[in-house]
Protein backbone atom coordinates (compact mmCIF):
# COMPACT_ATOMS: atom_id res chain seq x y z
CA MET A 1 -157.80 -33.78 83.28
CA ALA A 2 -156.24 -32.51 80.04
CA GLN A 3 -157.59 -30.12 77.30
CA ALA A 4 -161.16 -31.61 75.90
CA LYS A 5 -161.87 -31.88 72.24
CA ARG A 6 -165.84 -32.09 71.65
CA ILE A 7 -167.40 -35.22 69.49
CA MET A 8 -170.37 -35.50 68.10
CA VAL A 9 -171.60 -39.02 69.08
CA SER A 10 -175.25 -40.63 67.30
CA LEU A 11 -176.66 -43.62 69.34
CA PRO A 12 -180.14 -44.89 68.89
CA ASP A 13 -183.09 -44.09 71.02
CA ASN A 14 -183.38 -46.70 73.75
CA LEU A 15 -179.11 -46.36 73.97
CA LEU A 16 -179.65 -42.89 75.08
CA GLN A 17 -182.70 -43.40 76.84
CA GLU A 18 -180.37 -46.23 78.95
CA VAL A 19 -177.67 -43.41 79.49
CA ASP A 20 -180.06 -40.76 79.86
CA GLY A 21 -181.41 -42.59 82.99
CA ILE A 22 -178.32 -43.61 84.59
CA VAL A 23 -177.06 -40.10 84.30
CA ARG A 24 -179.60 -38.56 86.36
CA ARG A 25 -179.64 -41.60 89.41
CA GLU A 26 -176.22 -41.07 89.63
CA LYS A 27 -176.79 -37.50 89.02
CA GLY A 28 -173.77 -37.24 86.88
CA ASN A 29 -173.73 -35.91 83.20
CA ARG A 30 -173.41 -37.07 79.79
CA SER A 31 -169.94 -36.07 79.14
CA ALA A 32 -168.75 -38.07 82.49
CA PHE A 33 -170.81 -41.23 81.14
CA VAL A 34 -169.10 -41.86 78.11
CA ARG A 35 -165.55 -40.94 79.31
CA GLU A 36 -165.72 -43.34 81.62
CA ALA A 37 -167.78 -45.89 79.82
CA MET A 38 -164.67 -45.58 76.77
CA LEU A 39 -161.71 -45.89 80.32
CA LEU A 40 -163.23 -49.44 80.58
CA LEU A 41 -164.08 -50.33 77.53
CA ILE A 42 -160.34 -49.35 76.52
CA LYS A 43 -158.90 -51.39 79.81
CA GLU A 44 -160.52 -54.43 78.85
CA ARG A 45 -159.20 -54.02 75.74
CA TYR A 46 -155.88 -53.89 77.11
CA ARG A 47 -157.06 -56.33 79.74
CA LEU A 48 -158.02 -59.58 76.66
CA GLU A 49 -154.88 -58.26 74.47
CA LYS A 50 -152.74 -58.85 77.94
CA LEU A 51 -154.75 -62.46 78.30
CA GLU A 52 -154.25 -63.26 74.60
CA MET A 53 -150.84 -62.67 74.74
CA CYS A 54 -150.86 -64.80 77.74
CA ARG A 55 -152.20 -67.35 76.76
CA THR A 56 -150.37 -66.72 72.89
CA GLY A 57 -146.54 -67.57 75.40
CA TYR A 58 -148.56 -70.77 76.98
CA GLN A 59 -149.36 -72.26 74.31
CA GLU A 60 -145.70 -71.60 72.70
CA MET A 61 -143.55 -72.77 75.87
CA ALA A 62 -146.09 -76.16 75.83
CA ALA A 63 -143.52 -77.26 73.36
CA ILE A 64 -140.69 -76.34 74.88
CA ASN A 65 -141.45 -77.61 78.71
CA ARG A 66 -142.71 -80.72 76.71
CA ASN A 67 -139.13 -81.26 75.46
CA LEU A 68 -137.32 -80.49 78.90
CA ALA A 69 -139.04 -82.73 80.65
CA GLU A 70 -139.32 -85.97 78.19
CA ASP A 71 -135.37 -84.86 78.10
CA GLY A 72 -135.31 -85.14 81.22
CA LEU A 73 -137.04 -88.42 81.17
CA GLU A 74 -134.40 -90.13 79.60
CA GLU A 75 -131.92 -89.30 81.58
CA TYR A 76 -133.74 -89.81 84.68
CA SER A 77 -134.12 -93.63 83.21
CA ARG A 78 -130.29 -93.75 82.52
CA ASP A 79 -130.23 -92.83 86.24
CA LEU A 80 -132.41 -95.46 86.98
CA ASP A 81 -131.45 -98.22 84.41
CA SER A 82 -126.86 -97.86 85.50
CA TYR A 83 -128.59 -97.68 89.44
CA GLU A 84 -130.66 -100.63 88.83
CA ASN A 85 -127.32 -102.55 87.48
CA TYR A 86 -125.04 -101.61 90.50
CA LEU A 87 -127.84 -102.24 92.38
CA GLU A 88 -127.79 -105.95 91.05
CA LYS A 89 -123.96 -106.69 91.27
CA ARG A 90 -123.86 -105.80 94.46
CA GLU A 91 -125.86 -108.88 95.02
């Protein structure tokens, strides 16, 4: 681990009791618990940020994809009309 810095954190009594209970059961220490909690929160925030970026990207792509599909549908419709005309002439 990189050089550790000492910080002070204020916690409500009930939260500190909860942390201390977990630390006792896991035979750990407060510092390790707080480090792990901070790392988990940072990872979760990055995950949510990436998820939001994906959601935004999908929304932006929705209009583009719709336009591409509509263009393709128009082209398909023209091709279908041409084919139907071809079949009518053969009859």
